[in-house]
């Protein structure tokens, strides 16, 4: 039976939840210690960024003791009025602590029992009135003891002196981890939403050996049943390469009951008044199959720069909208981290978002080039240079996709305003999804209503958000938690198609 979060009555992030194919997603727990004497348990001291990252983390440390330095509350207070996910998380932490401690003032510092068998308390110490040897050495290294980071580190030292159990600082701040190591403190990243390294898929398709007659039957009928031994370890909707001998291969998608299905992709993605886009490699064929399958509601895609993730997703979205499968196409991109304010840029919302969404506009202009250029080229059948038309008042000429925006078929959405929305029958593309935290990714996934399709694309190797990494970002977390379900599929792209130079740079630089 799953444990439940004492704050919100939801399963803990580290619990094993069975998927449809019987495999449980592997999410790392904060290090578990076998139940036994109190001295075998650990004291985990939480940094502010951990609480802002996951406001439910307080109940995820099982039988260990959780300490929250009082200076963390002061730092949370700075964020509580923000109209962003960070502000919402700060308020959620304050509400949770108030509910846990209630009116029992002594429990705040003496500790209150948690469902896992540990305790939760605030770390309140008189740093100025304490002259322990460890604290004197700390002051010698960090002279400015008024800084919040330094006061949190000092609190960990005093927890370590007050209890024989190991004291460990839990922080997602790499600089804070280095400072902790400098004064001899143990420190860890927050592990509960970090995917195990062994669960990050390879970019190569798995090969399944079949008999030449089986491959021929698959090519003619589009389906192939194989024995259990050959499909062991495959997940639902996983893409593979059926191989007969050394040369004959065909891509396929694994479905239920040991059955493979042939990819269902058109010769080209046709976009009215635009270009026809054809897949250029095997990975792109698999990606288009997942993008166009009406039974798949979530598609995640990993791939380095230049592999065509964004361009293919946008092309498939336009193709699906024009074929009446969806009411419209919504494209968004995080502003580094979802919830970032946009007020420092001038203009309306579209003008504020334009610098962040420029890659999306670039993709749209490739897929929907200016009509006058196409017409001139068709008439002359030669390459001509056509100057962009100018209006009499000097205004910027209309883009070829402006009419789609005006009709509501195309929406460029600010991701920081998605909270509270319900999005029905939309083809929703979230570019650079690796910049999200797991909680932010959950916010996006839970906004999708019936008939909508969510596409999360990104490169786990290119992350600017300082509080996530290649194993704890929202893209990887979403893939790991939802894999094996009939509504989700995943594709990894590895071959760059932007240019030979771009592919060489992605591999060697």
Protein backbone atom coordinates (compact mmCIF):
# COMPACT_ATOMS: atom_id res chain seq x y z
CA UNK A 1 0.00 0.00 0.00
CA UNK A 2 1.34 3.42 -0.95
CA UNK A 3 2.27 5.94 1.69
CA UNK A 4 0.51 9.26 1.51
CA UNK A 5 1.73 12.81 1.84
CA UNK A 6 0.56 14.01 5.27
CA UNK A 7 0.10 17.51 3.85
CA UNK A 8 -2.11 16.84 0.85
CA UNK A 9 -3.12 13.16 1.01
CA UNK A 10 -1.44 12.38 -2.30
CA UNK A 11 0.93 9.49 -3.05
CA UNK A 12 4.55 10.34 -2.36
CA UNK A 13 6.74 11.03 -5.39
CA UNK A 14 8.95 8.07 -4.64
CA UNK A 15 6.13 5.52 -4.44
CA UNK A 16 5.97 2.77 -7.03
CA UNK A 17 2.85 3.27 -9.15
CA UNK A 18 2.15 0.39 -11.50
CA UNK A 19 1.91 1.20 -15.17
CA UNK A 20 -0.16 -0.61 -17.74
CA UNK A 21 2.68 -2.88 -18.80
CA UNK A 22 3.41 -3.80 -15.18
CA UNK A 23 6.61 -1.82 -14.85
CA UNK A 24 6.95 0.84 -12.17
CA UNK A 25 8.66 4.14 -12.98
CA UNK A 26 11.87 4.46 -11.00
CA UNK A 27 12.08 7.76 -9.14
CA UNK A 28 14.83 8.11 -6.55
CA UNK A 29 13.79 8.49 -2.92
CA UNK A 30 15.73 10.62 -0.51
CA UNK A 31 18.17 8.11 0.93
CA UNK A 32 16.27 5.58 3.03
CA UNK A 33 17.63 4.25 6.31
CA UNK A 34 16.38 0.95 7.71
CA UNK A 35 14.06 1.42 10.64
CA UNK A 36 15.90 0.93 13.90
CA UNK A 37 17.46 2.98 16.70
CA UNK A 38 16.97 6.73 16.52
CA UNK A 39 20.72 7.24 16.07
CA UNK A 40 20.49 5.41 12.71
CA UNK A 41 18.16 8.03 11.31
CA UNK A 42 19.34 11.21 9.66
CA UNK A 43 18.70 14.90 10.14
CA UNK A 44 17.82 16.56 6.83
CA UNK A 45 18.04 20.36 6.86
CA UNK A 46 16.09 21.91 3.97
CA UNK A 47 17.24 24.91 1.97
CA UNK A 48 14.70 27.47 0.70
CA UNK A 49 15.02 26.39 -2.93
CA UNK A 50 13.93 22.83 -2.07
CA UNK A 51 10.66 24.08 -0.58
CA UNK A 52 10.08 26.39 -3.55
CA UNK A 53 10.88 23.53 -5.93
CA UNK A 54 8.46 21.09 -4.26
CA UNK A 55 6.22 22.50 -1.50
CA UNK A 56 5.13 18.94 -0.60
CA UNK A 57 8.69 17.77 0.07
CA UNK A 58 8.25 17.98 3.87
CA UNK A 59 6.48 14.61 3.92
CA UNK A 60 8.91 12.78 1.64
CA UNK A 61 11.76 11.94 4.06
CA UNK A 62 10.20 8.85 5.63
CA UNK A 63 11.54 8.01 9.14
CA UNK A 64 14.22 10.71 9.12
CA UNK A 65 14.10 14.05 10.94
CA UNK A 66 13.40 17.18 8.88
CA UNK A 67 14.65 20.59 10.03
CA UNK A 68 13.66 23.92 8.48
CA UNK A 69 15.92 26.80 9.57
CA UNK A 70 13.90 29.80 10.72
CA UNK A 71 15.88 31.91 8.23
CA UNK A 72 14.26 29.86 5.45
CA UNK A 73 10.87 31.18 6.56
CA UNK A 74 12.20 34.72 6.29
CA UNK A 75 13.42 34.01 2.76
CA UNK A 76 10.09 32.42 1.78
CA UNK A 77 8.36 35.55 3.02
CA UNK A 78 10.09 37.53 0.25
CA UNK A 79 8.38 35.45 -2.43
CA UNK A 80 4.88 34.93 -1.01
CA UNK A 81 3.35 37.95 -2.79
CA UNK A 82 4.65 37.02 -6.23
CA UNK A 83 1.96 36.20 -8.78
CA UNK A 84 4.00 33.29 -10.10
CA UNK A 85 4.53 29.60 -9.43
CA UNK A 86 7.33 30.51 -7.04
CA UNK A 87 4.97 32.73 -5.06
CA UNK A 88 2.26 30.04 -5.09
CA UNK A 89 4.74 27.48 -3.78
CA UNK A 90 5.91 29.82 -1.00
CA UNK A 91 2.30 30.33 0.10
CA UNK A 92 1.67 26.58 -0.04
CA UNK A 93 4.63 25.94 2.31
CA UNK A 94 3.36 28.54 4.79
CA UNK A 95 -0.13 27.00 4.78
CA UNK A 96 1.26 23.47 5.20
CA UNK A 97 3.46 24.40 8.17
CA UNK A 98 0.61 26.29 9.83
CA UNK A 99 -1.66 23.28 9.42
CA UNK A 100 0.94 20.83 10.74
CA UNK A 101 1.97 22.76 13.82
CA UNK A 102 -1.45 24.27 14.48
CA UNK A 103 -1.54 26.02 17.84
CA UNK A 104 1.10 23.82 19.43
CA UNK A 105 3.92 26.30 19.85
CA UNK A 106 6.26 23.83 21.55
CA UNK A 107 6.06 21.46 18.55
CA UNK A 108 7.60 24.12 16.32
CA UNK A 109 11.06 23.64 17.85
CA UNK A 110 10.67 20.30 19.66
CA UNK A 111 9.29 18.49 16.64
CA UNK A 112 6.06 16.87 15.57
CA UNK A 113 5.81 13.27 14.41
CA UNK A 114 5.38 12.56 10.71
CA UNK A 115 3.57 9.62 9.15
CA UNK A 116 6.88 8.09 8.10
CA UNK A 117 8.07 7.81 11.70
CA UNK A 118 10.35 10.83 11.73
CA UNK A 119 9.82 14.38 12.96
CA UNK A 120 9.47 17.88 11.55
CA UNK A 121 10.65 21.02 13.35
CA UNK A 122 12.05 24.48 12.88
CA UNK A 123 15.75 25.03 13.56
CA UNK A 124 15.97 28.04 15.87
CA UNK A 125 19.44 28.84 17.19
CA UNK A 126 21.11 31.87 18.71
CA UNK A 127 24.01 32.15 16.27
CA UNK A 128 25.43 35.26 17.94
CA UNK A 129 25.35 33.79 21.44
CA UNK A 130 26.88 30.42 20.53
CA UNK A 131 30.66 29.97 20.56
CA UNK A 132 31.22 26.35 19.67
CA UNK A 133 34.47 25.36 18.00
CA UNK A 134 32.68 24.47 14.76
CA UNK A 135 30.87 27.80 14.67
CA UNK A 136 34.08 29.74 15.36
CA UNK A 137 35.74 27.96 12.46
CA UNK A 138 32.70 28.74 10.32
CA UNK A 139 32.92 32.46 11.16
CA UNK A 140 36.58 32.40 10.22
CA UNK A 141 35.65 31.10 6.73
CA UNK A 142 32.45 33.11 6.19
CA UNK A 143 32.79 36.51 7.81
CA UNK A 144 29.36 37.77 6.71
CA UNK A 145 27.06 35.80 9.01
CA UNK A 146 24.08 38.00 8.15
CA UNK A 147 23.67 36.44 4.72
CA UNK A 148 20.76 34.01 4.62
CA UNK A 149 22.84 31.27 2.96
CA UNK A 150 25.50 31.52 5.66
CA UNK A 151 22.94 31.47 8.47
CA UNK A 152 21.39 28.31 6.99
CA UNK A 153 24.82 26.67 6.84
CA UNK A 154 25.47 27.68 10.45
CA UNK A 155 22.13 26.13 11.44
CA UNK A 156 23.21 22.83 9.87
CA UNK A 157 26.42 22.94 11.92
CA UNK A 158 24.44 23.46 15.12
CA UNK A 159 22.02 20.64 14.24
CA UNK A 160 25.06 18.43 13.74
CA UNK A 161 26.37 19.37 17.20
CA UNK A 162 23.00 18.95 18.92
CA UNK A 163 22.23 15.44 17.66
CA UNK A 164 24.49 12.39 17.13
CA UNK A 165 22.63 11.45 13.93
CA UNK A 166 24.20 12.65 10.66
CA UNK A 167 23.12 16.16 9.59
CA UNK A 168 22.69 16.65 5.84
CA UNK A 169 21.90 19.86 4.00
CA UNK A 170 19.41 19.32 1.16
CA UNK A 171 19.75 22.03 -1.48
CA UNK A 172 19.41 22.45 -5.22
CA UNK A 173 21.87 25.35 -5.25
CA UNK A 174 25.26 24.13 -6.52
CA UNK A 175 27.06 27.08 -4.95
CA UNK A 176 25.44 26.30 -1.61
CA UNK A 177 26.63 22.70 -1.93
CA UNK A 178 30.20 23.89 -2.48
CA UNK A 179 30.02 26.16 0.57
CA UNK A 180 28.73 23.26 2.65
CA UNK A 181 31.63 21.09 1.55
CA UNK A 182 34.05 23.90 2.42
CA UNK A 183 33.01 23.74 6.08
CA UNK A 184 32.86 19.94 6.22
CA UNK A 185 29.08 19.49 5.96
CA UNK A 186 27.33 16.68 4.13
CA UNK A 187 24.97 17.88 1.42
CA UNK A 188 22.66 16.33 -1.15
CA UNK A 189 20.46 17.38 -4.01
CA UNK A 190 16.71 16.84 -3.55
CA UNK A 191 16.28 13.33 -4.96
CA UNK A 192 12.56 12.59 -4.85
CA UNK A 193 11.80 13.86 -8.35
CA UNK A 194 15.15 12.91 -9.89
CA UNK A 195 15.00 10.10 -12.43
CA UNK A 196 17.46 7.24 -12.03
CA UNK A 197 20.30 7.43 -14.55
CA UNK A 198 19.45 3.92 -15.80
CA UNK A 199 15.93 5.09 -16.72
CA UNK A 200 17.08 7.72 -19.22
CA UNK A 201 16.59 6.17 -22.63
CA UNK A 202 19.30 5.80 -25.21
CA UNK A 203 18.94 7.85 -28.38
CA UNK A 204 19.30 4.66 -30.45
CA UNK A 205 16.30 2.54 -31.43
CA UNK A 206 16.25 -0.96 -29.97
CA UNK A 207 16.59 -3.66 -32.62
CA UNK A 208 14.30 -6.71 -32.61
CA UNK A 209 15.50 -9.65 -34.69
CA UNK A 210 12.82 -11.24 -36.87
CA UNK A 211 12.78 -13.84 -39.62
CA UNK A 212 12.79 -12.51 -43.21
CA UNK A 213 9.33 -14.03 -43.73
CA UNK A 214 8.08 -12.21 -40.64
CA UNK A 215 9.43 -8.93 -41.94
CA UNK A 216 7.78 -9.54 -45.30
CA UNK A 217 4.46 -10.33 -43.61
CA UNK A 218 4.81 -7.17 -41.52
CA UNK A 219 5.47 -5.07 -44.63
CA UNK A 220 2.31 -6.38 -46.33
CA UNK A 221 -0.14 -6.48 -43.40
CA UNK A 222 1.22 -3.70 -41.20
CA UNK A 223 1.11 -5.89 -38.06
CA UNK A 224 3.29 -8.56 -36.53
CA UNK A 225 2.85 -10.72 -33.43
CA UNK A 226 6.00 -12.08 -31.79
CA UNK A 227 6.78 -14.21 -28.75
CA UNK A 228 7.13 -12.80 -25.22
CA UNK A 229 10.87 -13.36 -25.08
CA UNK A 230 11.63 -10.96 -27.91
CA UNK A 231 9.50 -8.13 -26.50
CA UNK A 232 10.72 -8.44 -22.92
CA UNK A 233 11.41 -5.00 -21.48
CA UNK A 234 9.62 -3.07 -24.22
CA UNK A 235 7.21 -0.36 -23.15
CA UNK A 236 3.87 0.44 -24.69
CA UNK A 237 4.22 2.71 -27.76
CA UNK A 238 7.99 2.25 -27.83
CA UNK A 239 9.57 2.59 -31.27
CA UNK A 240 11.90 -0.17 -32.42
CA UNK A 241 13.70 -1.37 -35.53
CA UNK A 242 12.65 -4.80 -36.83
CA UNK A 243 15.75 -6.43 -38.31
CA UNK A 244 15.98 -9.43 -40.62
CA UNK A 245 19.62 -10.25 -41.23
CA UNK A 246 22.20 -7.51 -41.59
CA UNK A 247 20.54 -5.25 -44.15
CA UNK A 248 16.73 -5.48 -44.10
CA UNK A 249 15.10 -3.33 -41.43
CA UNK A 250 11.75 -1.61 -40.84
CA UNK A 251 10.67 0.77 -38.06
CA UNK A 252 7.70 -0.24 -35.95
CA UNK A 253 5.77 0.76 -32.84
CA UNK A 254 5.16 -1.77 -30.06
CA UNK A 255 1.53 -2.11 -29.05
CA UNK A 256 -0.31 -4.33 -26.60
CA UNK A 257 -0.40 -8.14 -26.79
CA UNK A 258 3.11 -8.59 -28.25
CA UNK A 259 2.12 -6.82 -31.45
CA UNK A 260 4.11 -4.41 -33.61
CA UNK A 261 2.42 -1.90 -35.91
CA UNK A 262 3.81 -0.25 -39.00
CA UNK A 263 4.28 3.52 -38.86
CA UNK A 264 1.27 5.44 -40.20
CA UNK A 265 2.78 8.52 -41.77
CA UNK A 266 1.92 10.45 -44.94
CA UNK A 267 4.47 10.91 -47.68
CA UNK A 268 4.70 14.54 -46.60
CA UNK A 269 3.06 16.86 -44.08
CA UNK A 270 0.91 19.07 -46.28
CA UNK A 271 0.32 22.63 -45.10
CA UNK A 272 -2.11 24.70 -47.20
CA UNK A 273 -0.48 27.87 -48.53
CA UNK A 274 2.79 26.52 -47.16
CA UNK A 275 5.41 23.89 -47.88
CA UNK A 276 5.24 20.10 -47.84
CA UNK A 277 7.59 18.74 -45.19
CA UNK A 278 9.04 15.22 -45.47
CA UNK A 279 10.88 13.28 -42.76
CA UNK A 280 14.59 13.13 -43.45
CA UNK A 281 15.63 10.22 -41.22
CA UNK A 282 14.28 7.28 -39.25
CA UNK A 283 13.87 9.19 -35.99
CA UNK A 284 11.81 11.88 -37.68
CA UNK A 285 9.53 9.19 -39.18
CA UNK A 286 8.86 7.84 -35.69
CA UNK A 287 8.24 11.35 -34.37
CA UNK A 288 5.68 12.11 -37.09
CA UNK A 289 3.92 8.80 -36.43
CA UNK A 290 3.48 9.73 -32.77
CA UNK A 291 2.49 13.32 -33.59
CA UNK A 292 -0.30 12.23 -35.95
CA UNK A 293 -1.65 9.22 -34.02
CA UNK A 294 -5.09 10.23 -32.64
CA UNK A 295 -4.82 7.70 -29.81
CA UNK A 296 -1.70 9.32 -28.33
CA UNK A 297 -2.36 12.40 -26.19
CA UNK A 298 1.19 13.01 -24.93
CA UNK A 299 4.37 12.95 -27.00
CA UNK A 300 7.76 13.65 -25.44
CA UNK A 301 10.82 14.14 -27.59
CA UNK A 302 14.51 14.48 -26.71
CA UNK A 303 17.02 15.73 -29.21
CA UNK A 304 20.03 18.04 -29.52
CA UNK A 305 19.96 21.25 -31.53
CA UNK A 306 19.23 20.88 -35.24
CA UNK A 307 17.41 17.55 -35.12
CA UNK A 308 14.09 19.10 -36.21
CA UNK A 309 12.11 18.75 -32.97
CA UNK A 310 10.37 22.12 -33.13
CA UNK A 311 9.95 22.31 -36.90
CA UNK A 312 8.37 18.85 -37.14
CA UNK A 313 6.08 19.49 -34.17
CA UNK A 314 4.84 22.78 -35.61
CA UNK A 315 4.40 21.23 -39.08
CA UNK A 316 2.42 18.32 -37.65
CA UNK A 317 0.30 20.72 -35.62
CA UNK A 318 -0.58 22.83 -38.67
CA UNK A 319 -1.24 19.65 -40.69
CA UNK A 320 -3.60 18.34 -37.96
CA UNK A 321 -5.43 21.67 -37.57
CA UNK A 322 -6.03 22.04 -41.31
CA UNK A 323 -7.33 18.46 -41.43
CA UNK A 324 -9.89 19.42 -38.72
CA UNK A 325 -8.49 17.05 -36.09
CA UNK A 326 -8.10 19.96 -33.62
CA UNK A 327 -9.67 23.37 -33.11
CA UNK A 328 -6.30 25.08 -33.15
CA UNK A 329 -2.56 25.02 -32.52
CA UNK A 330 -1.03 26.51 -29.37
CA UNK A 331 2.73 26.97 -29.14
CA UNK A 332 4.60 28.05 -26.03
CA UNK A 333 8.04 28.22 -24.56
CA UNK A 334 9.19 28.84 -20.97
CA UNK A 335 10.75 32.21 -20.18
CA UNK A 336 13.82 30.38 -18.78
CA UNK A 337 11.64 29.19 -15.88
CA UNK A 338 7.84 29.21 -15.96
CA UNK A 339 6.46 32.11 -13.94
CA UNK A 340 9.16 34.61 -14.85
CA UNK A 341 7.84 38.17 -15.00
CA UNK A 342 7.55 39.89 -18.37
CA UNK A 343 7.25 43.47 -17.19
CA UNK A 344 10.84 44.45 -18.02
CA UNK A 345 10.09 44.25 -21.76
CA UNK A 346 8.10 47.04 -23.47
CA UNK A 347 4.90 46.57 -25.42
CA UNK A 348 1.92 44.24 -25.27
CA UNK A 349 2.05 40.54 -24.36
CA UNK A 350 2.95 39.45 -27.91
CA UNK A 351 5.78 41.98 -28.09
CA UNK A 352 7.08 40.96 -24.66
CA UNK A 353 7.13 37.28 -25.60
CA UNK A 354 8.60 37.79 -29.07
CA UNK A 355 12.30 37.49 -28.09
CA UNK A 356 11.64 34.27 -26.16
CA UNK A 357 9.45 32.79 -28.91
CA UNK A 358 11.58 33.80 -31.90
CA UNK A 359 12.50 30.15 -32.71
CA UNK A 360 8.77 29.43 -33.02
CA UNK A 361 8.30 32.35 -35.41
CA UNK A 362 11.33 31.14 -37.37
CA UNK A 363 9.72 27.71 -37.77
CA UNK A 364 6.42 29.27 -38.87
CA UNK A 365 8.17 31.40 -41.48
CA UNK A 366 9.94 28.31 -42.86
CA UNK A 367 6.65 26.38 -43.08
CA UNK A 368 4.57 29.35 -44.28
CA UNK A 369 6.88 31.45 -46.47
CA UNK A 370 5.70 34.80 -47.90
CA UNK A 371 3.30 34.23 -50.78
CA UNK A 372 4.81 36.87 -53.03
CA UNK A 373 8.16 35.03 -53.02
CA UNK A 374 6.51 31.72 -53.92
CA UNK A 375 4.42 33.29 -56.68
CA UNK A 376 7.39 35.08 -58.23
CA UNK A 377 9.49 31.93 -58.17
CA UNK A 378 6.72 29.85 -59.72
CA UNK A 379 6.20 32.35 -62.52
CA UNK A 380 9.84 32.85 -63.38
CA UNK A 381 11.06 29.36 -62.44
CA UNK A 382 14.25 31.07 -61.38
CA UNK A 383 15.66 32.24 -58.12
CA UNK A 384 14.66 35.86 -57.64
CA UNK A 385 15.19 38.30 -54.82
CA UNK A 386 11.94 39.97 -53.84
CA UNK A 387 11.92 42.89 -51.47
CA UNK A 388 9.47 42.67 -48.58
CA UNK A 389 6.42 44.82 -49.33
CA UNK A 390 6.10 48.01 -47.35
CA UNK A 391 2.85 49.67 -46.39
CA UNK A 392 2.31 53.29 -47.19
CA UNK A 393 2.60 54.24 -43.53
CA UNK A 394 5.84 52.33 -43.16
CA UNK A 395 4.29 49.61 -41.00
CA UNK A 396 5.75 46.12 -40.90
CA UNK A 397 4.20 43.89 -43.59
CA UNK A 398 1.83 41.13 -42.56
CA UNK A 399 3.28 37.70 -41.97
CA UNK A 400 1.88 34.72 -43.81
CA UNK A 401 0.64 33.22 -40.53
CA UNK A 402 -1.09 36.36 -39.22
CA UNK A 403 -4.46 35.27 -40.63
CA UNK A 404 -4.22 32.03 -38.59
CA UNK A 405 -3.69 34.03 -35.39
CA UNK A 406 -6.63 36.31 -36.22
CA UNK A 407 -8.91 33.30 -36.81
CA UNK A 408 -7.85 31.68 -33.52
CA UNK A 409 -6.30 28.69 -35.29
CA UNK A 410 -2.81 29.62 -34.10
CA UNK A 411 -2.00 30.85 -30.59
CA UNK A 412 1.38 31.93 -29.24
CA UNK A 413 0.86 31.44 -25.52
CA UNK A 414 2.74 32.88 -22.56
CA UNK A 415 3.37 29.80 -20.42
CA UNK A 416 3.45 31.78 -17.19
CA UNK A 417 -0.30 32.43 -17.57
CA UNK A 418 -1.38 28.82 -18.10
CA UNK A 419 -2.32 28.14 -14.46
CA UNK A 420 -6.07 27.78 -14.06
CA UNK A 421 -6.76 27.26 -17.77
CA UNK A 422 -8.55 24.30 -19.31
CA UNK A 423 -7.40 23.64 -22.87
CA UNK A 424 -9.85 21.60 -25.01
CA UNK A 425 -9.19 20.20 -28.51
CA UNK A 426 -5.87 21.99 -29.03
CA UNK A 427 -2.61 20.73 -30.44
CA UNK A 428 -0.34 22.14 -27.71
CA UNK A 429 3.43 22.33 -28.31
CA UNK A 430 5.74 23.19 -25.42
CA UNK A 431 9.24 23.89 -26.72
CA UNK A 432 12.34 23.82 -24.46
CA UNK A 433 10.42 21.73 -21.91
CA UNK A 434 13.69 20.72 -20.22
CA UNK A 435 13.70 24.15 -18.53
CA UNK A 436 10.64 23.23 -16.41
CA UNK A 437 10.62 21.83 -12.92
CA UNK A 438 8.58 18.65 -12.39
CA UNK A 439 5.86 20.66 -10.63
CA UNK A 440 5.63 23.10 -13.54
CA UNK A 441 5.42 20.21 -16.00
CA UNK A 442 2.58 18.73 -13.96
CA UNK A 443 0.79 22.09 -14.17
CA UNK A 444 0.95 21.96 -17.96
CA UNK A 445 -0.09 18.30 -18.26
CA UNK A 446 -3.11 18.77 -16.00
CA UNK A 447 -4.37 21.71 -18.11
CA UNK A 448 -5.11 19.43 -21.10
CA UNK A 449 -8.82 18.73 -21.61
CA UNK A 450 -10.53 16.09 -23.74
CA UNK A 451 -9.46 16.06 -27.35
CA UNK A 452 -6.17 17.91 -26.74
CA UNK A 453 -2.69 16.66 -27.56
CA UNK A 454 0.43 17.79 -25.67
CA UNK A 455 3.87 17.78 -27.28
CA UNK A 456 6.88 18.31 -24.98
CA UNK A 457 10.17 18.76 -26.83
CA UNK A 458 13.61 19.71 -25.61
CA UNK A 459 17.23 18.78 -25.06
CA UNK A 460 18.03 17.50 -21.54
CA UNK A 461 21.66 18.39 -22.23
CA UNK A 462 20.93 22.13 -22.59
CA UNK A 463 19.48 23.50 -19.35
CA UNK A 464 19.62 27.10 -18.14
CA UNK A 465 17.38 26.67 -15.09
CA UNK A 466 19.82 26.46 -12.13
CA UNK A 467 17.51 24.24 -10.07
CA UNK A 468 17.01 21.33 -12.49
CA UNK A 469 19.43 19.07 -14.32
CA UNK A 470 19.37 16.33 -16.95
CA UNK A 471 17.69 13.92 -14.51
CA UNK A 472 15.31 16.19 -12.60
CA UNK A 473 13.83 18.49 -15.27
CA UNK A 474 10.15 18.49 -16.16
CA UNK A 475 10.61 16.92 -19.60
CA UNK A 476 12.49 13.86 -18.33
CA UNK A 477 10.27 13.60 -15.24
CA UNK A 478 7.07 13.63 -17.32
CA UNK A 479 8.42 10.99 -19.68
CA UNK A 480 9.47 8.73 -16.82
CA UNK A 481 6.25 9.04 -14.82
CA UNK A 482 3.85 8.56 -17.75
CA UNK A 483 5.71 6.01 -19.87
CA UNK A 484 4.01 2.69 -20.46
CA UNK A 485 0.54 4.20 -20.76
CA UNK A 486 -1.48 3.91 -23.95
CA UNK A 487 -1.89 7.69 -24.26
CA UNK A 488 1.83 8.51 -24.21
CA UNK A 489 4.75 7.95 -26.58
CA UNK A 490 8.38 9.01 -26.66
CA UNK A 491 10.90 9.60 -29.44
CA UNK A 492 14.59 10.47 -29.23
CA UNK A 493 16.15 12.28 -32.19
CA UNK A 494 19.89 12.11 -32.70
CA UNK A 495 20.70 12.98 -36.33
CA UNK A 496 21.05 16.67 -37.02
CA UNK A 497 19.46 17.95 -40.24
CA UNK A 498 20.00 21.70 -39.91
CA UNK A 499 23.40 21.63 -41.58
CA UNK A 500 26.62 19.64 -41.55
CA UNK A 501 28.23 22.38 -39.47
CA UNK A 502 25.41 22.43 -36.91
CA UNK A 503 25.53 18.64 -36.48
CA UNK A 504 29.33 18.67 -36.12
CA UNK A 505 29.10 21.40 -33.49
CA UNK A 506 26.38 19.55 -31.54
CA UNK A 507 28.53 16.42 -31.39
CA UNK A 508 32.00 17.84 -30.80
CA UNK A 509 31.56 21.16 -28.99
